[in-house]
């Protein structure tokens, strides 16, 4: 069941974690006792789900990536400081190349 609050649906909610959330939160990969009991009960009734090895690999990768911050706060601060004191240099050729690569990846 989903509830629509002021026209905001479930696909419109920002669920991304911030750097602070990721560093303060710990991920528990072990199922709780209640989850284990539920899994055992479902298995006893013949209700079980088997994940492919690819799905398991994707889940492991997702968990590993979840430990990294979405942004490199240290690098952002370095760039911000360089912009403020006027020492930030832009490599126009490198910028143009990256723009072309992005265009190619989007439009083919």
PDB file of N, CA and C in Angstrom:
ATOM      1  N   UNK A   1       0.844  -1.178   0.000  1.00  0.00           N
ATOM      2  CA  UNK A   1       0.000   0.000   0.000  1.00  0.00           C
ATOM      3  C   UNK A   1       0.883   1.233   0.000  1.00  0.00           C
ATOM      4  N   UNK A   2       0.563   2.203  -0.843  1.00  0.00           N
ATOM      5  CA  UNK A   2       1.320   3.446  -0.825  1.00  0.00           C
ATOM      6  C   UNK A   2       0.370   4.597  -0.566  1.00  0.00           C
ATOM      7  N   UNK A   3       0.861   5.588   0.128  1.00  0.00           N
ATOM      8  CA  UNK A   3       0.074   6.758   0.473  1.00  0.00           C
ATOM      9  C   UNK A   3       0.662   7.949  -0.243  1.00  0.00           C
ATOM     10  N   UNK A   4      -0.200   8.763  -0.847  1.00  0.00           N
ATOM     11  CA  UNK A   4       0.229   9.928  -1.602  1.00  0.00           C
ATOM     12  C   UNK A   4       0.088  11.169  -0.718  1.00  0.00           C
ATOM     13  N   UNK A   5       1.220  11.697  -0.238  1.00  0.00           N
ATOM     14  CA  UNK A   5       1.216  12.910   0.562  1.00  0.00           C
ATOM     15  C   UNK A   5       1.539  14.093  -0.331  1.00  0.00           C
ATOM     16  N   UNK A   6       0.602  14.969  -0.498  1.00  0.00           N
ATOM     17  CA  UNK A   6       0.795  16.184  -1.291  1.00  0.00           C
ATOM     18  C   UNK A   6       1.368  15.908  -2.671  1.00  0.00           C
ATOM     19  N   UNK A   7       0.895  14.859  -3.319  1.00  0.00           N
ATOM     20  CA  UNK A   7       1.333  14.568  -4.672  1.00  0.00           C
ATOM     21  C   UNK A   7       2.690  13.914  -4.773  1.00  0.00           C
ATOM     22  N   UNK A   8       3.274  13.489  -3.671  1.00  0.00           N
ATOM     23  CA  UNK A   8       4.580  12.848  -3.685  1.00  0.00           C
ATOM     24  C   UNK A   8       4.367  11.346  -3.584  1.00  0.00           C
ATOM     25  N   UNK A   9       4.761  10.642  -4.626  1.00  0.00           N
ATOM     26  CA  UNK A   9       4.623   9.201  -4.651  1.00  0.00           C
ATOM     27  C   UNK A   9       5.893   8.527  -4.160  1.00  0.00           C
ATOM     28  N   UNK A  10       5.885   7.208  -4.018  1.00  0.00           N
ATOM     29  CA  UNK A  10       7.054   6.500  -3.494  1.00  0.00           C
ATOM     30  C   UNK A  10       8.278   6.621  -4.391  1.00  0.00           C
ATOM     31  N   UNK A  11       8.106   6.805  -5.695  1.00  0.00           N
ATOM     32  CA  UNK A  11       9.247   6.938  -6.595  1.00  0.00           C
ATOM     33  C   UNK A  11       9.868   8.311  -6.572  1.00  0.00           C
ATOM     34  N   UNK A  12       9.233   9.250  -5.885  1.00  0.00           N
ATOM     35  CA  UNK A  12       9.719  10.623  -5.867  1.00  0.00           C
ATOM     36  C   UNK A  12      10.429  11.001  -4.577  1.00  0.00           C
ATOM     37  N   UNK A  13      10.614  10.061  -3.703  1.00  0.00           N
ATOM     38  CA  UNK A  13      11.243  10.332  -2.415  1.00  0.00           C
ATOM     39  C   UNK A  13      12.736  10.055  -2.543  1.00  0.00           C
ATOM     40  N   UNK A  14      13.559  10.985  -2.080  1.00  0.00           N
ATOM     41  CA  UNK A  14      15.006  10.822  -2.115  1.00  0.00           C
ATOM     42  C   UNK A  14      15.420   9.899  -0.987  1.00  0.00           C
ATOM     43  N   UNK A  15      15.897   8.701  -1.360  1.00  0.00           N
ATOM     44  CA  UNK A  15      16.296   7.733  -0.351  1.00  0.00           C
ATOM     45  C   UNK A  15      17.805   7.554  -0.286  1.00  0.00           C
ATOM     46  N   UNK A  16      18.558   8.435  -0.966  1.00  0.00           N
ATOM     47  CA  UNK A  16      20.010   8.304  -0.963  1.00  0.00           C
ATOM     48  C   UNK A  16      20.557   8.706   0.390  1.00  0.00           C
ATOM     49  N   UNK A  17      21.590   7.982   0.809  1.00  0.00           N
ATOM     50  CA  UNK A  17      22.227   8.269   2.084  1.00  0.00           C
ATOM     51  C   UNK A  17      23.299   9.330   1.890  1.00  0.00           C
ATOM     52  N   UNK A  18      23.424  10.179   2.881  1.00  0.00           N
ATOM     53  CA  UNK A  18      24.504  11.155   2.852  1.00  0.00           C
ATOM     54  C   UNK A  18      25.763  10.511   3.406  1.00  0.00           C
ATOM     55  N   UNK A  19      26.881  11.187   3.263  1.00  0.00           N
ATOM     56  CA  UNK A  19      28.146  10.686   3.781  1.00  0.00           C
ATOM     57  C   UNK A  19      28.047  10.439   5.283  1.00  0.00           C
ATOM     58  N   UNK A  20      27.413  11.353   5.998  1.00  0.00           N
ATOM     59  CA  UNK A  20      27.283  11.214   7.446  1.00  0.00           C
ATOM     60  C   UNK A  20      26.442   9.994   7.800  1.00  0.00           C
ATOM     61  N   UNK A  21      25.340   9.779   7.040  1.00  0.00           N
ATOM     62  CA  UNK A  21      24.491   8.622   7.302  1.00  0.00           C
ATOM     63  C   UNK A  21      25.258   7.331   7.100  1.00  0.00           C
ATOM     64  N   UNK A  22      26.051   7.271   6.034  1.00  0.00           N
ATOM     65  CA  UNK A  22      26.776   6.042   5.722  1.00  0.00           C
ATOM     66  C   UNK A  22      27.869   5.761   6.735  1.00  0.00           C
ATOM     67  N   UNK A  23      28.532   6.827   7.221  1.00  0.00           N
ATOM     68  CA  UNK A  23      29.625   6.595   8.160  1.00  0.00           C
ATOM     69  C   UNK A  23      29.091   6.258   9.549  1.00  0.00           C
ATOM     70  N   UNK A  24      27.906   6.767   9.894  1.00  0.00           N
ATOM     71  CA  UNK A  24      27.377   6.490  11.223  1.00  0.00           C
ATOM     72  C   UNK A  24      26.585   5.203  11.262  1.00  0.00           C
ATOM     73  N   UNK A  25      26.026   4.790  10.140  1.00  0.00           N
ATOM     74  CA  UNK A  25      25.230   3.571  10.109  1.00  0.00           C
ATOM     75  C   UNK A  25      26.095   2.355   9.882  1.00  0.00           C
ATOM     76  N   UNK A  26      25.717   1.278  10.524  1.00  0.00           N
ATOM     77  CA  UNK A  26      26.433   0.034  10.299  1.00  0.00           C
ATOM     78  C   UNK A  26      25.486  -0.918   9.618  1.00  0.00           C
ATOM     79  N   UNK A  27      26.025  -1.683   8.703  1.00  0.00           N
ATOM     80  CA  UNK A  27      25.200  -2.628   7.989  1.00  0.00           C
ATOM     81  C   UNK A  27      25.337  -3.993   8.640  1.00  0.00           C
ATOM     82  N   UNK A  28      24.190  -4.604   8.903  1.00  0.00           N
ATOM     83  CA  UNK A  28      24.181  -5.925   9.500  1.00  0.00           C
ATOM     84  C   UNK A  28      23.789  -6.903   8.413  1.00  0.00           C
ATOM     85  N   UNK A  29      24.733  -7.729   7.994  1.00  0.00           N
ATOM     86  CA  UNK A  29      24.459  -8.671   6.925  1.00  0.00           C
ATOM     87  C   UNK A  29      23.878  -9.964   7.465  1.00  0.00           C
ATOM     88  N   UNK A  30      23.870 -10.163   8.785  1.00  0.00           N
ATOM     89  CA  UNK A  30      23.314 -11.356   9.378  1.00  0.00           C
ATOM     90  C   UNK A  30      21.813 -11.134   9.588  1.00  0.00           C
ATOM     91  N   UNK A  31      20.968 -12.084   9.145  1.00  0.00           N
ATOM     92  CA  UNK A  31      19.536 -11.926   9.369  1.00  0.00           C
ATOM     93  C   UNK A  31      19.210 -12.048  10.854  1.00  0.00           C
ATOM     94  N   UNK A  32      18.165 -11.330  11.271  1.00  0.00           N
ATOM     95  CA  UNK A  32      17.764 -11.388  12.675  1.00  0.00           C
ATOM     96  C   UNK A  32      17.104 -12.733  12.953  1.00  0.00           C
ATOM     97  N   UNK A  33      16.910 -12.999  14.225  1.00  0.00           N
ATOM     98  CA  UNK A  33      16.294 -14.268  14.621  1.00  0.00           C
ATOM     99  C   UNK A  33      14.889 -14.379  14.041  1.00  0.00           C
ATOM    100  N   UNK A  34      14.162 -13.275  14.020  1.00  0.00           N
ATOM    101  CA  UNK A  34      12.812 -13.282  13.459  1.00  0.00           C
ATOM    102  C   UNK A  34      12.824 -13.579  11.971  1.00  0.00           C
ATOM    103  N   UNK A  35      13.785 -13.000  11.256  1.00  0.00           N
ATOM    104  CA  UNK A  35      13.896 -13.259   9.819  1.00  0.00           C
ATOM    105  C   UNK A  35      14.271 -14.706   9.559  1.00  0.00           C
ATOM    106  N   UNK A  36      15.165 -15.252  10.385  1.00  0.00           N
ATOM    107  CA  UNK A  36      15.562 -16.650  10.229  1.00  0.00           C
ATOM    108  C   UNK A  36      14.376 -17.571  10.479  1.00  0.00           C
ATOM    109  N   UNK A  37      13.586 -17.278  11.497  1.00  0.00           N
ATOM    110  CA  UNK A  37      12.416 -18.099  11.807  1.00  0.00           C
ATOM    111  C   UNK A  37      11.411 -18.035  10.661  1.00  0.00           C
ATOM    112  N   UNK A  38      11.220 -16.853  10.118  1.00  0.00           N
ATOM    113  CA  UNK A  38      10.290 -16.683   8.995  1.00  0.00           C
ATOM    114  C   UNK A  38      10.781 -17.464   7.773  1.00  0.00           C
ATOM    115  N   UNK A  39      12.075 -17.402   7.511  1.00  0.00           N
ATOM    116  CA  UNK A  39      12.652 -18.128   6.386  1.00  0.00           C
ATOM    117  C   UNK A  39      12.483 -19.626   6.581  1.00  0.00           C
ATOM    118  N   UNK A  40      12.727 -20.102   7.798  1.00  0.00           N
ATOM    119  CA  UNK A  40      12.587 -21.520   8.080  1.00  0.00           C
ATOM    120  C   UNK A  40      11.131 -21.955   7.937  1.00  0.00           C
ATOM    121  N   UNK A  41      10.205 -21.108   8.382  1.00  0.00           N
ATOM    122  CA  UNK A  41       8.779 -21.437   8.284  1.00  0.00           C
ATOM    123  C   UNK A  41       8.350 -21.488   6.817  1.00  0.00           C
ATOM    124  N   UNK A  42       8.837 -20.551   6.023  1.00  0.00           N
ATOM    125  CA  UNK A  42       8.494 -20.543   4.607  1.00  0.00           C
ATOM    126  C   UNK A  42       9.074 -21.760   3.905  1.00  0.00           C
ATOM    127  N   UNK A  43      10.286 -22.140   4.271  1.00  0.00           N
ATOM    128  CA  UNK A  43      10.909 -23.318   3.677  1.00  0.00           C
ATOM    129  C   UNK A  43      10.126 -24.574   4.033  1.00  0.00           C
ATOM    130  N   UNK A  44       9.623 -24.636   5.249  1.00  0.00           N
ATOM    131  CA  UNK A  44       8.854 -25.793   5.678  1.00  0.00           C
ATOM    132  C   UNK A  44       7.563 -25.916   4.872  1.00  0.00           C
ATOM    133  N   UNK A  45       6.979 -24.784   4.458  1.00  0.00           N
ATOM    134  CA  UNK A  45       5.751 -24.802   3.674  1.00  0.00           C
ATOM    135  C   UNK A  45       6.036 -24.934   2.183  1.00  0.00           C
ATOM    136  N   UNK A  46       7.307 -24.992   1.812  1.00  0.00           N
ATOM    137  CA  UNK A  46       7.652 -25.091   0.399  1.00  0.00           C
ATOM    138  C   UNK A  46       7.754 -23.738  -0.284  1.00  0.00           C
ATOM    139  N   UNK A  47       7.736 -22.667   0.488  1.00  0.00           N
ATOM    140  CA  UNK A  47       7.871 -21.320  -0.071  1.00  0.00           C
ATOM    141  C   UNK A  47       9.305 -20.860   0.122  1.00  0.00           C
ATOM    142  N   UNK A  48      10.084 -20.864  -0.945  1.00  0.00           N
ATOM    143  CA  UNK A  48      11.432 -20.332  -0.821  1.00  0.00           C
ATOM    144  C   UNK A  48      11.829 -19.686  -2.139  1.00  0.00           C
ATOM    145  N   UNK A  49      12.816 -18.851  -2.059  1.00  0.00           N
ATOM    146  CA  UNK A  49      13.297 -18.121  -3.224  1.00  0.00           C
ATOM    147  C   UNK A  49      14.775 -18.430  -3.377  1.00  0.00           C
ATOM    148  N   UNK A  50      15.173 -18.785  -4.574  1.00  0.00           N
ATOM    149  CA  UNK A  50      16.585 -19.021  -4.856  1.00  0.00           C
ATOM    150  C   UNK A  50      17.093 -17.911  -5.756  1.00  0.00           C
ATOM    151  N   UNK A  51      18.130 -17.247  -5.309  1.00  0.00           N
ATOM    152  CA  UNK A  51      18.720 -16.177  -6.091  1.00  0.00           C
ATOM    153  C   UNK A  51      19.825 -16.732  -6.973  1.00  0.00           C
ATOM    154  N   UNK A  52      19.932 -16.191  -8.158  1.00  0.00           N
ATOM    155  CA  UNK A  52      21.007 -16.612  -9.046  1.00  0.00           C
ATOM    156  C   UNK A  52      22.335 -16.099  -8.501  1.00  0.00           C
ATOM    157  N   UNK A  53      23.411 -16.680  -8.971  1.00  0.00           N
ATOM    158  CA  UNK A  53      24.730 -16.225  -8.512  1.00  0.00           C
ATOM    159  C   UNK A  53      24.960 -14.775  -8.928  1.00  0.00           C
ATOM    160  N   UNK A  54      24.404 -14.388 -10.062  1.00  0.00           N
ATOM    161  CA  UNK A  54      24.547 -12.996 -10.509  1.00  0.00           C
ATOM    162  C   UNK A  54      23.825 -12.053  -9.544  1.00  0.00           C
ATOM    163  N   UNK A  55      22.644 -12.431  -9.092  1.00  0.00           N
ATOM    164  CA  UNK A  55      21.910 -11.604  -8.142  1.00  0.00           C
ATOM    165  C   UNK A  55      22.660 -11.501  -6.821  1.00  0.00           C
ATOM    166  N   UNK A  56      23.254 -12.607  -6.395  1.00  0.00           N
ATOM    167  CA  UNK A  56      24.029 -12.590  -5.150  1.00  0.00           C
ATOM    168  C   UNK A  56      25.257 -11.695  -5.293  1.00  0.00           C
ATOM    169  N   UNK A  57      25.922 -11.781  -6.457  1.00  0.00           N
ATOM    170  CA  UNK A  57      27.093 -10.932  -6.706  1.00  0.00           C
ATOM    171  C   UNK A  57      26.699  -9.465  -6.716  1.00  0.00           C
ATOM    172  N   UNK A  58      25.564  -9.157  -7.332  1.00  0.00           N
ATOM    173  CA  UNK A  58      25.096  -7.767  -7.369  1.00  0.00           C
ATOM    174  C   UNK A  58      24.779  -7.257  -5.966  1.00  0.00           C
ATOM    175  N   UNK A  59      24.193  -8.102  -5.142  1.00  0.00           N
ATOM    176  CA  UNK A  59      23.878  -7.710  -3.774  1.00  0.00           C
ATOM    177  C   UNK A  59      25.158  -7.433  -2.982  1.00  0.00           C
ATOM    178  N   UNK A  60      26.166  -8.289  -3.152  1.00  0.00           N
ATOM    179  CA  UNK A  60      27.447  -8.068  -2.472  1.00  0.00           C
ATOM    180  C   UNK A  60      28.087  -6.764  -2.935  1.00  0.00           C
ATOM    181  N   UNK A  61      28.044  -6.512  -4.233  1.00  0.00           N
ATOM    182  CA  UNK A  61      28.608  -5.278  -4.771  1.00  0.00           C
ATOM    183  C   UNK A  61      27.870  -4.059  -4.233  1.00  0.00           C
ATOM    184  N   UNK A  62      26.557  -4.162  -4.170  1.00  0.00           N
ATOM    185  CA  UNK A  62      25.753  -3.064  -3.639  1.00  0.00           C
ATOM    186  C   UNK A  62      26.135  -2.767  -2.185  1.00  0.00           C
ATOM    187  N   UNK A  63      26.350  -3.825  -1.397  1.00  0.00           N
ATOM    188  CA  UNK A  63      26.728  -3.639  -0.001  1.00  0.00           C
ATOM    189  C   UNK A  63      28.108  -3.008   0.116  1.00  0.00           C
ATOM    190  N   UNK A  64      29.049  -3.420  -0.732  1.00  0.00           N
ATOM    191  CA  UNK A  64      30.393  -2.841  -0.705  1.00  0.00           C
ATOM    192  C   UNK A  64      30.349  -1.366  -1.097  1.00  0.00           C
ATOM    193  N   UNK A  65      29.577  -1.054  -2.137  1.00  0.00           N
ATOM    194  CA  UNK A  65      29.484   0.333  -2.588  1.00  0.00           C
ATOM    195  C   UNK A  65      28.767   1.206  -1.563  1.00  0.00           C
ATOM    196  N   UNK A  66      27.888   0.608  -0.800  1.00  0.00           N
ATOM    197  CA  UNK A  66      27.177   1.354   0.233  1.00  0.00           C
ATOM    198  C   UNK A  66      28.099   1.879   1.320  1.00  0.00           C
ATOM    199  N   UNK A  67      29.287   1.301   1.446  1.00  0.00           N
ATOM    200  CA  UNK A  67      30.243   1.746   2.451  1.00  0.00           C
ATOM    201  C   UNK A  67      31.012   2.985   2.015  1.00  0.00           C
ATOM    202  N   UNK A  68      30.984   3.297   0.732  1.00  0.00           N
ATOM    203  CA  UNK A  68      31.702   4.459   0.218  1.00  0.00           C
ATOM    204  C   UNK A  68      30.782   5.667   0.186  1.00  0.00           C
ATOM    205  N   UNK A  69      31.312   6.839   0.482  1.00  0.00           N
ATOM    206  CA  UNK A  69      30.480   8.040   0.395  1.00  0.00           C
ATOM    207  C   UNK A  69      30.160   8.358  -1.063  1.00  0.00           C
ATOM    208  N   UNK A  70      29.010   8.982  -1.282  1.00  0.00           N
ATOM    209  CA  UNK A  70      28.619   9.355  -2.630  1.00  0.00           C
ATOM    210  C   UNK A  70      29.510  10.473  -3.168  1.00  0.00           C
ATOM    211  N   UNK A  71      30.030  11.276  -2.268  1.00  0.00           N
ATOM    212  CA  UNK A  71      30.896  12.379  -2.659  1.00  0.00           C
ATOM    213  C   UNK A  71      32.192  12.309  -1.860  1.00  0.00           C
ATOM    214  N   UNK A  72      33.257  12.751  -2.472  1.00  0.00           N
ATOM    215  CA  UNK A  72      34.547  12.808  -1.801  1.00  0.00           C
ATOM    216  C   UNK A  72      34.655  14.189  -1.145  1.00  0.00           C
ATOM    217  N   UNK A  73      34.257  14.258   0.119  1.00  0.00           N
ATOM    218  CA  UNK A  73      34.206  15.531   0.835  1.00  0.00           C
ATOM    219  C   UNK A  73      35.560  16.223   0.881  1.00  0.00           C
ATOM    220  N   UNK A  74      36.627  15.448   1.019  1.00  0.00           N
ATOM    221  CA  UNK A  74      37.968  16.024   1.075  1.00  0.00           C
ATOM    222  C   UNK A  74      38.321  16.699  -0.258  1.00  0.00           C
ATOM    223  N   UNK A  75      38.017  16.018  -1.361  1.00  0.00           N
ATOM    224  CA  UNK A  75      38.310  16.571  -2.697  1.00  0.00           C
ATOM    225  C   UNK A  75      37.465  17.818  -2.961  1.00  0.00           C
ATOM    226  N   UNK A  76      36.227  17.784  -2.538  1.00  0.00           N
ATOM    227  CA  UNK A  76      35.358  18.954  -2.705  1.00  0.00           C
ATOM    228  C   UNK A  76      35.927  20.148  -1.964  1.00  0.00           C
ATOM    229  N   UNK A  77      36.412  19.922  -0.749  1.00  0.00           N
ATOM    230  CA  UNK A  77      36.992  21.016   0.037  1.00  0.00           C
ATOM    231  C   UNK A  77      38.259  21.560  -0.621  1.00  0.00           C
ATOM    232  N   UNK A  78      39.081  20.676  -1.196  1.00  0.00           N
ATOM    233  CA  UNK A  78      40.285  21.122  -1.906  1.00  0.00           C
ATOM    234  C   UNK A  78      39.918  22.031  -3.080  1.00  0.00           C
ATOM    235  N   UNK A  79      38.936  21.619  -3.839  1.00  0.00           N
ATOM    236  CA  UNK A  79      38.517  22.414  -5.004  1.00  0.00           C
ATOM    237  C   UNK A  79      37.910  23.734  -4.553  1.00  0.00           C
ATOM    238  N   UNK A  80      37.085  23.693  -3.515  1.00  0.00           N
ATOM    239  CA  UNK A  80      36.460  24.915  -3.003  1.00  0.00           C
ATOM    240  C   UNK A  80      37.530  25.923  -2.559  1.00  0.00           C
ATOM    241  N   UNK A  81      38.541  25.424  -1.845  1.00  0.00           N
ATOM    242  CA  UNK A  81      39.624  26.299  -1.382  1.00  0.00           C
ATOM    243  C   UNK A  81      40.392  26.882  -2.561  1.00  0.00           C
ATOM    244  N   UNK A  82      40.691  26.037  -3.560  1.00  0.00           N
ATOM    245  CA  UNK A  82      41.415  26.510  -4.741  1.00  0.00           C
ATOM    246  C   UNK A  82      40.608  27.553  -5.506  1.00  0.00           C
ATOM    247  N   UNK A  83      39.296  27.382  -5.588  1.00  0.00           N
ATOM    248  CA  UNK A  83      38.451  28.380  -6.261  1.00  0.00           C
ATOM    249  C   UNK A  83      38.455  29.704  -5.501  1.00  0.00           C
ATOM    250  N   UNK A  84      38.391  29.606  -4.180  1.00  0.00           N
ATOM    251  CA  UNK A  84      38.355  30.820  -3.363  1.00  0.00           C
ATOM    252  C   UNK A  84      39.650  31.616  -3.455  1.00  0.00           C
ATOM    253  N   UNK A  85      40.791  30.922  -3.495  1.00  0.00           N
ATOM    254  CA  UNK A  85      42.048  31.671  -3.520  1.00  0.00           C
ATOM    255  C   UNK A  85      42.587  31.876  -4.936  1.00  0.00           C
ATOM    256  N   UNK A  86      41.824  31.433  -5.948  1.00  0.00           N
ATOM    257  CA  UNK A  86      42.192  31.697  -7.335  1.00  0.00           C
ATOM    258  C   UNK A  86      43.254  30.785  -7.917  1.00  0.00           C
ATOM    259  N   UNK A  87      43.572  29.697  -7.245  1.00  0.00           N
ATOM    260  CA  UNK A  87      44.624  28.812  -7.744  1.00  0.00           C
ATOM    261  C   UNK A  87      44.085  27.618  -8.536  1.00  0.00           C
ATOM    262  N   UNK A  88      42.768  27.526  -8.705  1.00  0.00           N
ATOM    263  CA  UNK A  88      42.191  26.400  -9.438  1.00  0.00           C
ATOM    264  C   UNK A  88      42.390  26.618 -10.932  1.00  0.00           C
ATOM    265  N   UNK A  89      43.032  25.670 -11.584  1.00  0.00           N
ATOM    266  CA  UNK A  89      43.305  25.756 -13.014  1.00  0.00           C
ATOM    267  C   UNK A  89      42.438  24.741 -13.747  1.00  0.00           C
ATOM    268  N   UNK A  90      41.831  25.181 -14.831  1.00  0.00           N
ATOM    269  CA  UNK A  90      40.988  24.310 -15.643  1.00  0.00           C
ATOM    270  C   UNK A  90      41.756  23.920 -16.893  1.00  0.00           C
ATOM    271  N   UNK A  91      41.856  22.629 -17.133  1.00  0.00           N
ATOM    272  CA  UNK A  91      42.479  22.097 -18.338  1.00  0.00           C
ATOM    273  C   UNK A  91      41.387  22.032 -19.404  1.00  0.00           C
ATOM    274  N   UNK A  92      41.351  23.030 -20.294  1.00  0.00           N
ATOM    275  CA  UNK A  92      40.288  23.132 -21.284  1.00  0.00           C
ATOM    276  C   UNK A  92      40.250  21.920 -22.208  1.00  0.00           C
ATOM    277  N   UNK A  93      41.398  21.399 -22.568  1.00  0.00           N
ATOM    278  CA  UNK A  93      41.432  20.240 -23.456  1.00  0.00           C
ATOM    279  C   UNK A  93      40.843  19.006 -22.778  1.00  0.00           C
ATOM    280  N   UNK A  94      41.189  18.791 -21.519  1.00  0.00           N
ATOM    281  CA  UNK A  94      40.664  17.657 -20.773  1.00  0.00           C
ATOM    282  C   UNK A  94      39.149  17.805 -20.575  1.00  0.00           C
ATOM    283  N   UNK A  95      38.707  19.020 -20.289  1.00  0.00           N
ATOM    284  CA  UNK A  95      37.285  19.293 -20.120  1.00  0.00           C
ATOM    285  C   UNK A  95      36.524  18.999 -21.413  1.00  0.00           C
ATOM    286  N   UNK A  96      37.058  19.467 -22.532  1.00  0.00           N
ATOM    287  CA  UNK A  96      36.413  19.233 -23.827  1.00  0.00           C
ATOM    288  C   UNK A  96      36.351  17.738 -24.136  1.00  0.00           C
ATOM    289  N   UNK A  97      37.408  17.007 -23.842  1.00  0.00           N
ATOM    290  CA  UNK A  97      37.427  15.568 -24.095  1.00  0.00           C
ATOM    291  C   UNK A  97      36.365  14.851 -23.263  1.00  0.00           C
ATOM    292  N   UNK A  98      36.254  15.242 -22.004  1.00  0.00           N
ATOM    293  CA  UNK A  98      35.251  14.627 -21.129  1.00  0.00           C
ATOM    294  C   UNK A  98      33.834  14.946 -21.619  1.00  0.00           C
ATOM    295  N   UNK A  99      33.625  16.150 -22.116  1.00  0.00           N
ATOM    296  CA  UNK A  99      32.311  16.524 -22.649  1.00  0.00           C
ATOM    297  C   UNK A  99      31.978  15.682 -23.879  1.00  0.00           C
ATOM    298  N   UNK A 100      32.955  15.464 -24.741  1.00  0.00           N
ATOM    299  CA  UNK A 100      32.739  14.633 -25.923  1.00  0.00           C
ATOM    300  C   UNK A 100      32.440  13.185 -25.537  1.00  0.00           C
ATOM    301  N   UNK A 101      33.156  12.669 -24.540  1.00  0.00           N
ATOM    302  CA  UNK A 101      32.923  11.308 -24.070  1.00  0.00           C
ATOM    303  C   UNK A 101      31.521  11.164 -23.483  1.00  0.00           C
ATOM    304  N   UNK A 102      31.089  12.160 -22.735  1.00  0.00           N
ATOM    305  CA  UNK A 102      29.759  12.124 -22.165  1.00  0.00           C
ATOM    306  C   UNK A 102      28.696  12.169 -23.253  1.00  0.00           C
ATOM    307  N   UNK A 103      28.909  13.034 -24.251  1.00  0.00           N
ATOM    308  CA  UNK A 103      27.989  13.124 -25.378  1.00  0.00           C
ATOM    309  C   UNK A 103      27.906  11.784 -26.114  1.00  0.00           C
ATOM    310  N   UNK A 104      29.041  11.153 -26.302  1.00  0.00           N
ATOM    311  CA  UNK A 104      29.071   9.864 -26.991  1.00  0.00           C
ATOM    312  C   UNK A 104      28.337   8.794 -26.189  1.00  0.00           C
ATOM    313  N   UNK A 105      28.493   8.811 -24.862  1.00  0.00           N
ATOM    314  CA  UNK A 105      27.828   7.804 -24.023  1.00  0.00           C
ATOM    315  C   UNK A 105      26.322   8.007 -23.990  1.00  0.00           C
ATOM    316  N   UNK A 106      25.878   9.244 -24.120  1.00  0.00           N
ATOM    317  CA  UNK A 106      24.442   9.527 -24.079  1.00  0.00           C
ATOM    318  C   UNK A 106      23.784   9.286 -25.427  1.00  0.00           C
ATOM    319  N   UNK A 107      24.378   9.842 -26.483  1.00  0.00           N
ATOM    320  CA  UNK A 107      23.728   9.835 -27.783  1.00  0.00           C
ATOM    321  C   UNK A 107      24.269   8.781 -28.746  1.00  0.00           C
ATOM    322  N   UNK A 108      25.339   8.134 -28.367  1.00  0.00           N
ATOM    323  CA  UNK A 108      25.882   7.039 -29.173  1.00  0.00           C
ATOM    324  C   UNK A 108      26.679   7.429 -30.359  1.00  0.00           C
TER     325      UNK A 108
END
